[in-house]
Amino acid sequence: MTGSAQEAPQRSLVCSICTESVLLETSNTDEHGRSVHEECYVRKTISRFRRRQRSSRPQNWLSAIRSRFSLRLRVSDNC
């Protein structure tokens, strides 16, 4: 044999979200083609979704109560 059985060096990348190293073998990419940990990407995506939901809620609490009440009335009318 001409070569020895050495372990190949593990190459790593940097996660674009947390800036920690990501092993090349386990890395994922985001929508921009950057390396990310799967857990980081999931947390970031869920966080964006929650922020959008909060911002779409009515600012006026009274109108929020009215809309919920009217929805309940509609459901009870259909039964």
PDB file of N, CA and C in Angstrom:
ATOM      1  N   MET A   1       0.826  -1.171   0.000  1.00  0.00           N
ATOM      2  CA  MET A   1       0.000   0.000   0.000  1.00  0.00           C
ATOM      3  C   MET A   1       0.872   1.237   0.000  1.00  0.00           C
ATOM      4  N   THR A   2       0.413   2.198  -0.761  1.00  0.00           N
ATOM      5  CA  THR A   2       1.217   3.410  -0.863  1.00  0.00           C
ATOM      6  C   THR A   2       0.809   4.483   0.132  1.00  0.00           C
ATOM      7  N   GLY A   3      -0.409   4.462   0.592  1.00  0.00           N
ATOM      8  CA  GLY A   3      -0.861   5.507   1.518  1.00  0.00           C
ATOM      9  C   GLY A   3      -1.262   4.916   2.845  1.00  0.00           C
ATOM     10  N   SER A   4      -1.220   5.735   3.841  1.00  0.00           N
ATOM     11  CA  SER A   4      -1.654   5.265   5.151  1.00  0.00           C
ATOM     12  C   SER A   4      -3.115   5.667   5.361  1.00  0.00           C
ATOM     13  N   ALA A   5      -3.761   4.928   6.219  1.00  0.00           N
ATOM     14  CA  ALA A   5      -5.172   5.189   6.486  1.00  0.00           C
ATOM     15  C   ALA A   5      -5.279   6.300   7.537  1.00  0.00           C
ATOM     16  N   GLN A   6      -5.196   7.522   7.061  1.00  0.00           N
ATOM     17  CA  GLN A   6      -5.328   8.655   7.978  1.00  0.00           C
ATOM     18  C   GLN A   6      -6.742   9.222   7.867  1.00  0.00           C
ATOM     19  N   GLU A   7      -7.187   9.729   8.964  1.00  0.00           N
ATOM     20  CA  GLU A   7      -8.506  10.346   8.954  1.00  0.00           C
ATOM     21  C   GLU A   7      -8.410  11.687   8.240  1.00  0.00           C
ATOM     22  N   ALA A   8      -9.341  11.925   7.346  1.00  0.00           N
ATOM     23  CA  ALA A   8      -9.343  13.185   6.610  1.00  0.00           C
ATOM     24  C   ALA A   8      -9.696  14.321   7.572  1.00  0.00           C
ATOM     25  N   PRO A   9      -9.048  15.461   7.436  1.00  0.00           N
ATOM     26  CA  PRO A   9      -9.369  16.579   8.322  1.00  0.00           C
ATOM     27  C   PRO A   9     -10.795  17.056   8.084  1.00  0.00           C
ATOM     28  N   GLN A  10     -11.490  17.367   9.154  1.00  0.00           N
ATOM     29  CA  GLN A  10     -12.865  17.823   9.016  1.00  0.00           C
ATOM     30  C   GLN A  10     -12.867  19.303   8.679  1.00  0.00           C
ATOM     31  N   ARG A  11     -13.532  19.633   7.581  1.00  0.00           N
ATOM     32  CA  ARG A  11     -13.636  21.028   7.172  1.00  0.00           C
ATOM     33  C   ARG A  11     -14.892  21.615   7.779  1.00  0.00           C
ATOM     34  N   SER A  12     -14.823  22.858   8.175  1.00  0.00           N
ATOM     35  CA  SER A  12     -16.000  23.477   8.765  1.00  0.00           C
ATOM     36  C   SER A  12     -16.255  24.844   8.143  1.00  0.00           C
ATOM     37  N   LEU A  13     -17.480  25.277   8.252  1.00  0.00           N
ATOM     38  CA  LEU A  13     -17.919  26.574   7.766  1.00  0.00           C
ATOM     39  C   LEU A  13     -18.458  27.351   8.955  1.00  0.00           C
ATOM     40  N   VAL A  14     -18.874  28.574   8.733  1.00  0.00           N
ATOM     41  CA  VAL A  14     -19.425  29.395   9.807  1.00  0.00           C
ATOM     42  C   VAL A  14     -20.913  29.609   9.554  1.00  0.00           C
ATOM     43  N   CYS A  15     -21.727  29.389  10.586  1.00  0.00           N
ATOM     44  CA  CYS A  15     -23.168  29.596  10.487  1.00  0.00           C
ATOM     45  C   CYS A  15     -23.427  31.090  10.335  1.00  0.00           C
ATOM     46  N   SER A  16     -24.220  31.463   9.344  1.00  0.00           N
ATOM     47  CA  SER A  16     -24.495  32.877   9.094  1.00  0.00           C
ATOM     48  C   SER A  16     -25.441  33.479  10.130  1.00  0.00           C
ATOM     49  N   ILE A  17     -26.035  32.659  10.977  1.00  0.00           N
ATOM     50  CA  ILE A  17     -26.953  33.165  11.999  1.00  0.00           C
ATOM     51  C   ILE A  17     -26.251  33.324  13.346  1.00  0.00           C
ATOM     52  N   CYS A  18     -25.593  32.264  13.820  1.00  0.00           N
ATOM     53  CA  CYS A  18     -24.974  32.313  15.152  1.00  0.00           C
ATOM     54  C   CYS A  18     -23.460  32.512  15.106  1.00  0.00           C
ATOM     55  N   THR A  19     -22.864  32.465  13.948  1.00  0.00           N
ATOM     56  CA  THR A  19     -21.417  32.625  13.699  1.00  0.00           C
ATOM     57  C   THR A  19     -20.556  31.554  14.359  1.00  0.00           C
ATOM     58  N   GLU A  20     -21.146  30.433  14.756  1.00  0.00           N
ATOM     59  CA  GLU A  20     -20.389  29.287  15.253  1.00  0.00           C
ATOM     60  C   GLU A  20     -20.034  28.396  14.064  1.00  0.00           C
ATOM     61  N   SER A  21     -19.052  27.525  14.244  1.00  0.00           N
ATOM     62  CA  SER A  21     -18.648  26.660  13.140  1.00  0.00           C
ATOM     63  C   SER A  21     -19.688  25.578  12.875  1.00  0.00           C
ATOM     64  N   VAL A  22     -19.811  25.221  11.599  1.00  0.00           N
ATOM     65  CA  VAL A  22     -20.724  24.179  11.135  1.00  0.00           C
ATOM     66  C   VAL A  22     -19.885  23.181  10.350  1.00  0.00           C
ATOM     67  N   LEU A  23     -19.992  21.922  10.687  1.00  0.00           N
ATOM     68  CA  LEU A  23     -19.254  20.912   9.932  1.00  0.00           C
ATOM     69  C   LEU A  23     -19.785  20.840   8.509  1.00  0.00           C
ATOM     70  N   LEU A  24     -18.913  20.703   7.575  1.00  0.00           N
ATOM     71  CA  LEU A  24     -19.300  20.640   6.172  1.00  0.00           C
ATOM     72  C   LEU A  24     -20.264  19.484   5.918  1.00  0.00           C
ATOM     73  N   GLU A  25     -20.019  18.377   6.580  1.00  0.00           N
ATOM     74  CA  GLU A  25     -20.843  17.195   6.378  1.00  0.00           C
ATOM     75  C   GLU A  25     -22.270  17.383   6.880  1.00  0.00           C
ATOM     76  N   THR A  26     -22.476  18.273   7.854  1.00  0.00           N
ATOM     77  CA  THR A  26     -23.806  18.451   8.441  1.00  0.00           C
ATOM     78  C   THR A  26     -24.400  19.822   8.148  1.00  0.00           C
ATOM     79  N   SER A  27     -23.737  20.601   7.327  1.00  0.00           N
ATOM     80  CA  SER A  27     -24.222  21.968   7.086  1.00  0.00           C
ATOM     81  C   SER A  27     -25.455  21.979   6.196  1.00  0.00           C
ATOM     82  N   ASN A  28     -26.265  22.988   6.389  1.00  0.00           N
ATOM     83  CA  ASN A  28     -27.430  23.253   5.551  1.00  0.00           C
ATOM     84  C   ASN A  28     -27.258  24.654   4.995  1.00  0.00           C
ATOM     85  N   THR A  29     -28.082  25.006   4.040  1.00  0.00           N
ATOM     86  CA  THR A  29     -27.995  26.354   3.488  1.00  0.00           C
ATOM     87  C   THR A  29     -29.335  27.060   3.615  1.00  0.00           C
ATOM     88  N   ASP A  30     -29.281  28.383   3.773  1.00  0.00           N
ATOM     89  CA  ASP A  30     -30.509  29.165   3.853  1.00  0.00           C
ATOM     90  C   ASP A  30     -30.925  29.585   2.448  1.00  0.00           C
ATOM     91  N   GLU A  31     -31.936  30.448   2.363  1.00  0.00           N
ATOM     92  CA  GLU A  31     -32.460  30.867   1.061  1.00  0.00           C
ATOM     93  C   GLU A  31     -31.472  31.701   0.254  1.00  0.00           C
ATOM     94  N   HIS A  32     -30.380  32.155   0.911  1.00  0.00           N
ATOM     95  CA  HIS A  32     -29.360  32.942   0.219  1.00  0.00           C
ATOM     96  C   HIS A  32     -28.106  32.119  -0.096  1.00  0.00           C
ATOM     97  N   GLY A  33     -28.148  30.820   0.192  1.00  0.00           N
ATOM     98  CA  GLY A  33     -27.022  29.934  -0.099  1.00  0.00           C
ATOM     99  C   GLY A  33     -25.923  29.971   0.945  1.00  0.00           C
ATOM    100  N   ARG A  34     -26.193  30.554   2.118  1.00  0.00           N
ATOM    101  CA  ARG A  34     -25.189  30.631   3.185  1.00  0.00           C
ATOM    102  C   ARG A  34     -25.337  29.440   4.119  1.00  0.00           C
ATOM    103  N   SER A  35     -24.236  29.027   4.724  1.00  0.00           N
ATOM    104  CA  SER A  35     -24.246  27.887   5.651  1.00  0.00           C
ATOM    105  C   SER A  35     -24.952  28.247   6.941  1.00  0.00           C
ATOM    106  N   VAL A  36     -25.757  27.315   7.437  1.00  0.00           N
ATOM    107  CA  VAL A  36     -26.475  27.499   8.693  1.00  0.00           C
ATOM    108  C   VAL A  36     -26.632  26.168   9.407  1.00  0.00           C
ATOM    109  N   HIS A  37     -26.775  26.232  10.741  1.00  0.00           N
ATOM    110  CA  HIS A  37     -27.199  25.056  11.499  1.00  0.00           C
ATOM    111  C   HIS A  37     -28.697  24.901  11.261  1.00  0.00           C
ATOM    112  N   GLU A  38     -29.168  23.695  11.223  1.00  0.00           N
ATOM    113  CA  GLU A  38     -30.596  23.469  11.027  1.00  0.00           C
ATOM    114  C   GLU A  38     -31.398  24.100  12.161  1.00  0.00           C
ATOM    115  N   GLU A  39     -30.918  23.946  13.404  1.00  0.00           N
ATOM    116  CA  GLU A  39     -31.624  24.492  14.559  1.00  0.00           C
ATOM    117  C   GLU A  39     -31.704  26.017  14.491  1.00  0.00           C
ATOM    118  N   CYS A  40     -30.624  26.667  14.074  1.00  0.00           N
ATOM    119  CA  CYS A  40     -30.604  28.127  13.953  1.00  0.00           C
ATOM    120  C   CYS A  40     -31.617  28.595  12.913  1.00  0.00           C
ATOM    121  N   TYR A  41     -31.658  27.912  11.793  1.00  0.00           N
ATOM    122  CA  TYR A  41     -32.565  28.297  10.721  1.00  0.00           C
ATOM    123  C   TYR A  41     -34.026  28.135  11.146  1.00  0.00           C
ATOM    124  N   VAL A  42     -34.319  27.038  11.846  1.00  0.00           N
ATOM    125  CA  VAL A  42     -35.687  26.800  12.307  1.00  0.00           C
ATOM    126  C   VAL A  42     -36.089  27.885  13.301  1.00  0.00           C
ATOM    127  N   ARG A  43     -35.210  28.198  14.269  1.00  0.00           N
ATOM    128  CA  ARG A  43     -35.519  29.245  15.246  1.00  0.00           C
ATOM    129  C   ARG A  43     -35.761  30.586  14.577  1.00  0.00           C
ATOM    130  N   LYS A  44     -34.920  30.919  13.594  1.00  0.00           N
ATOM    131  CA  LYS A  44     -35.057  32.194  12.880  1.00  0.00           C
ATOM    132  C   LYS A  44     -36.373  32.248  12.107  1.00  0.00           C
ATOM    133  N   THR A  45     -36.727  31.161  11.451  1.00  0.00           N
ATOM    134  CA  THR A  45     -37.960  31.107  10.667  1.00  0.00           C
ATOM    135  C   THR A  45     -39.187  31.226  11.567  1.00  0.00           C
ATOM    136  N   ILE A  46     -39.196  30.512  12.687  1.00  0.00           N
ATOM    137  CA  ILE A  46     -40.319  30.589  13.621  1.00  0.00           C
ATOM    138  C   ILE A  46     -40.429  31.987  14.201  1.00  0.00           C
ATOM    139  N   SER A  47     -39.304  32.601  14.513  1.00  0.00           N
ATOM    140  CA  SER A  47     -39.304  33.955  15.061  1.00  0.00           C
ATOM    141  C   SER A  47     -39.912  34.944  14.072  1.00  0.00           C
ATOM    142  N   ARG A  48     -39.571  34.830  12.807  1.00  0.00           N
ATOM    143  CA  ARG A  48     -40.153  35.710  11.780  1.00  0.00           C
ATOM    144  C   ARG A  48     -41.658  35.525  11.686  1.00  0.00           C
ATOM    145  N   PHE A  49     -42.095  34.282  11.713  1.00  0.00           N
ATOM    146  CA  PHE A  49     -43.516  33.974  11.622  1.00  0.00           C
ATOM    147  C   PHE A  49     -44.276  34.585  12.794  1.00  0.00           C
ATOM    148  N   ARG A  50     -43.731  34.459  14.004  1.00  0.00           N
ATOM    149  CA  ARG A  50     -44.397  35.009  15.187  1.00  0.00           C
ATOM    150  C   ARG A  50     -44.461  36.525  15.130  1.00  0.00           C
ATOM    151  N   ARG A  51     -43.392  37.174  14.656  1.00  0.00           N
ATOM    152  CA  ARG A  51     -43.406  38.635  14.543  1.00  0.00           C
ATOM    153  C   ARG A  51     -44.477  39.100  13.560  1.00  0.00           C
ATOM    154  N   ARG A  52     -44.624  38.405  12.441  1.00  0.00           N
ATOM    155  CA  ARG A  52     -45.651  38.761  11.459  1.00  0.00           C
ATOM    156  C   ARG A  52     -47.042  38.603  12.043  1.00  0.00           C
ATOM    157  N   GLN A  53     -47.253  37.557  12.817  1.00  0.00           N
ATOM    158  CA  GLN A  53     -48.567  37.341  13.429  1.00  0.00           C
ATOM    159  C   GLN A  53     -48.886  38.460  14.410  1.00  0.00           C
ATOM    160  N   ARG A  54     -47.909  38.870  15.221  1.00  0.00           N
ATOM    161  CA  ARG A  54     -48.130  39.944  16.188  1.00  0.00           C
ATOM    162  C   ARG A  54     -48.446  41.255  15.502  1.00  0.00           C
ATOM    163  N   SER A  55     -47.750  41.543  14.418  1.00  0.00           N
ATOM    164  CA  SER A  55     -47.955  42.822  13.739  1.00  0.00           C
ATOM    165  C   SER A  55     -49.279  42.870  12.985  1.00  0.00           C
ATOM    166  N   SER A  56     -49.846  41.726  12.652  1.00  0.00           N
ATOM    167  CA  SER A  56     -51.112  41.720  11.923  1.00  0.00           C
ATOM    168  C   SER A  56     -52.324  41.796  12.852  1.00  0.00           C
ATOM    169  N   ARG A  57     -52.102  41.729  14.154  1.00  0.00           N
ATOM    170  CA  ARG A  57     -53.206  41.833  15.105  1.00  0.00           C
ATOM    171  C   ARG A  57     -53.711  43.268  15.170  1.00  0.00           C
ATOM    172  N   PRO A  58     -54.996  43.443  15.444  1.00  0.00           N
ATOM    173  CA  PRO A  58     -55.535  44.795  15.556  1.00  0.00           C
ATOM    174  C   PRO A  58     -54.917  45.542  16.734  1.00  0.00           C
ATOM    175  N   GLN A  59     -54.632  46.806  16.530  1.00  0.00           N
ATOM    176  CA  GLN A  59     -54.050  47.617  17.592  1.00  0.00           C
ATOM    177  C   GLN A  59     -55.096  47.974  18.648  1.00  0.00           C
ATOM    178  N   ASN A  60     -56.317  48.088  18.226  1.00  0.00           N
ATOM    179  CA  ASN A  60     -57.384  48.476  19.128  1.00  0.00           C
ATOM    180  C   ASN A  60     -57.947  47.221  19.792  1.00  0.00           C
ATOM    181  N   TRP A  61     -57.822  47.124  21.109  1.00  0.00           N
ATOM    182  CA  TRP A  61     -58.248  45.909  21.791  1.00  0.00           C
ATOM    183  C   TRP A  61     -59.771  45.743  21.727  1.00  0.00           C
ATOM    184  N   LEU A  62     -60.487  46.845  21.661  1.00  0.00           N
ATOM    185  CA  LEU A  62     -61.941  46.748  21.592  1.00  0.00           C
ATOM    186  C   LEU A  62     -62.390  46.113  20.272  1.00  0.00           C
ATOM    187  N   SER A  63     -61.759  46.505  19.178  1.00  0.00           N
ATOM    188  CA  SER A  63     -62.123  45.897  17.897  1.00  0.00           C
ATOM    189  C   SER A  63     -61.738  44.421  17.868  1.00  0.00           C
ATOM    190  N   ALA A  64     -60.666  44.051  18.572  1.00  0.00           N
ATOM    191  CA  ALA A  64     -60.284  42.642  18.650  1.00  0.00           C
ATOM    192  C   ALA A  64     -61.346  41.835  19.385  1.00  0.00           C
ATOM    193  N   ILE A  65     -61.873  42.404  20.461  1.00  0.00           N
ATOM    194  CA  ILE A  65     -62.915  41.713  21.219  1.00  0.00           C
ATOM    195  C   ILE A  65     -64.178  41.579  20.369  1.00  0.00           C
ATOM    196  N   ARG A  66     -64.538  42.645  19.668  1.00  0.00           N
ATOM    197  CA  ARG A  66     -65.726  42.596  18.802  1.00  0.00           C
ATOM    198  C   ARG A  66     -65.597  41.519  17.730  1.00  0.00           C
ATOM    199  N   SER A  67     -64.419  41.455  17.112  1.00  0.00           N
ATOM    200  CA  SER A  67     -64.244  40.472  16.036  1.00  0.00           C
ATOM    201  C   SER A  67     -64.324  39.051  16.578  1.00  0.00           C
ATOM    202  N   ARG A  68     -63.757  38.804  17.751  1.00  0.00           N
ATOM    203  CA  ARG A  68     -63.854  37.474  18.349  1.00  0.00           C
ATOM    204  C   ARG A  68     -65.301  37.136  18.702  1.00  0.00           C
ATOM    205  N   PHE A  69     -66.003  38.101  19.251  1.00  0.00           N
ATOM    206  CA  PHE A  69     -67.398  37.887  19.635  1.00  0.00           C
ATOM    207  C   PHE A  69     -68.262  37.585  18.407  1.00  0.00           C
ATOM    208  N   SER A  70     -68.044  38.340  17.335  1.00  0.00           N
ATOM    209  CA  SER A  70     -68.837  38.104  16.128  1.00  0.00           C
ATOM    210  C   SER A  70     -68.526  36.743  15.505  1.00  0.00           C
ATOM    211  N   LEU A  71     -67.285  36.305  15.591  1.00  0.00           N
ATOM    212  CA  LEU A  71     -66.937  34.971  15.087  1.00  0.00           C
ATOM    213  C   LEU A  71     -67.654  33.893  15.885  1.00  0.00           C
ATOM    214  N   ARG A  72     -67.713  34.072  17.197  1.00  0.00           N
ATOM    215  CA  ARG A  72     -68.400  33.084  18.035  1.00  0.00           C
ATOM    216  C   ARG A  72     -69.890  33.047  17.721  1.00  0.00           C
ATOM    217  N   LEU A  73     -70.468  34.214  17.455  1.00  0.00           N
ATOM    218  CA  LEU A  73     -71.889  34.257  17.106  1.00  0.00           C
ATOM    219  C   LEU A  73     -72.156  33.513  15.807  1.00  0.00           C
ATOM    220  N   ARG A  74     -71.278  33.724  14.835  1.00  0.00           N
ATOM    221  CA  ARG A  74     -71.447  33.032  13.548  1.00  0.00           C
ATOM    222  C   ARG A  74     -71.369  31.526  13.702  1.00  0.00           C
ATOM    223  N   VAL A  75     -70.447  31.072  14.525  1.00  0.00           N
ATOM    224  CA  VAL A  75     -70.284  29.631  14.732  1.00  0.00           C
ATOM    225  C   VAL A  75     -71.515  29.075  15.425  1.00  0.00           C
ATOM    226  N   SER A  76     -72.013  29.775  16.440  1.00  0.00           N
ATOM    227  CA  SER A  76     -73.188  29.267  17.169  1.00  0.00           C
ATOM    228  C   SER A  76     -74.454  29.322  16.300  1.00  0.00           C
ATOM    229  N   ASP A  77     -74.530  30.269  15.354  1.00  0.00           N
ATOM    230  CA  ASP A  77     -75.689  30.339  14.457  1.00  0.00           C
ATOM    231  C   ASP A  77     -75.724  29.164  13.485  1.00  0.00           C
ATOM    232  N   ASN A  78     -74.544  28.652  13.133  1.00  0.00           N
ATOM    233  CA  ASN A  78     -74.466  27.556  12.168  1.00  0.00           C
ATOM    234  C   ASN A  78     -74.774  26.196  12.784  1.00  0.00           C
ATOM    235  N   CYS A  79     -74.784  26.095  14.104  1.00  0.00           N
ATOM    236  CA  CYS A  79     -74.999  24.801  14.769  1.00  0.00           C
ATOM    237  C   CYS A  79     -76.425  24.417  14.828  1.00  0.00           C
TER     238      CYS A  79
END
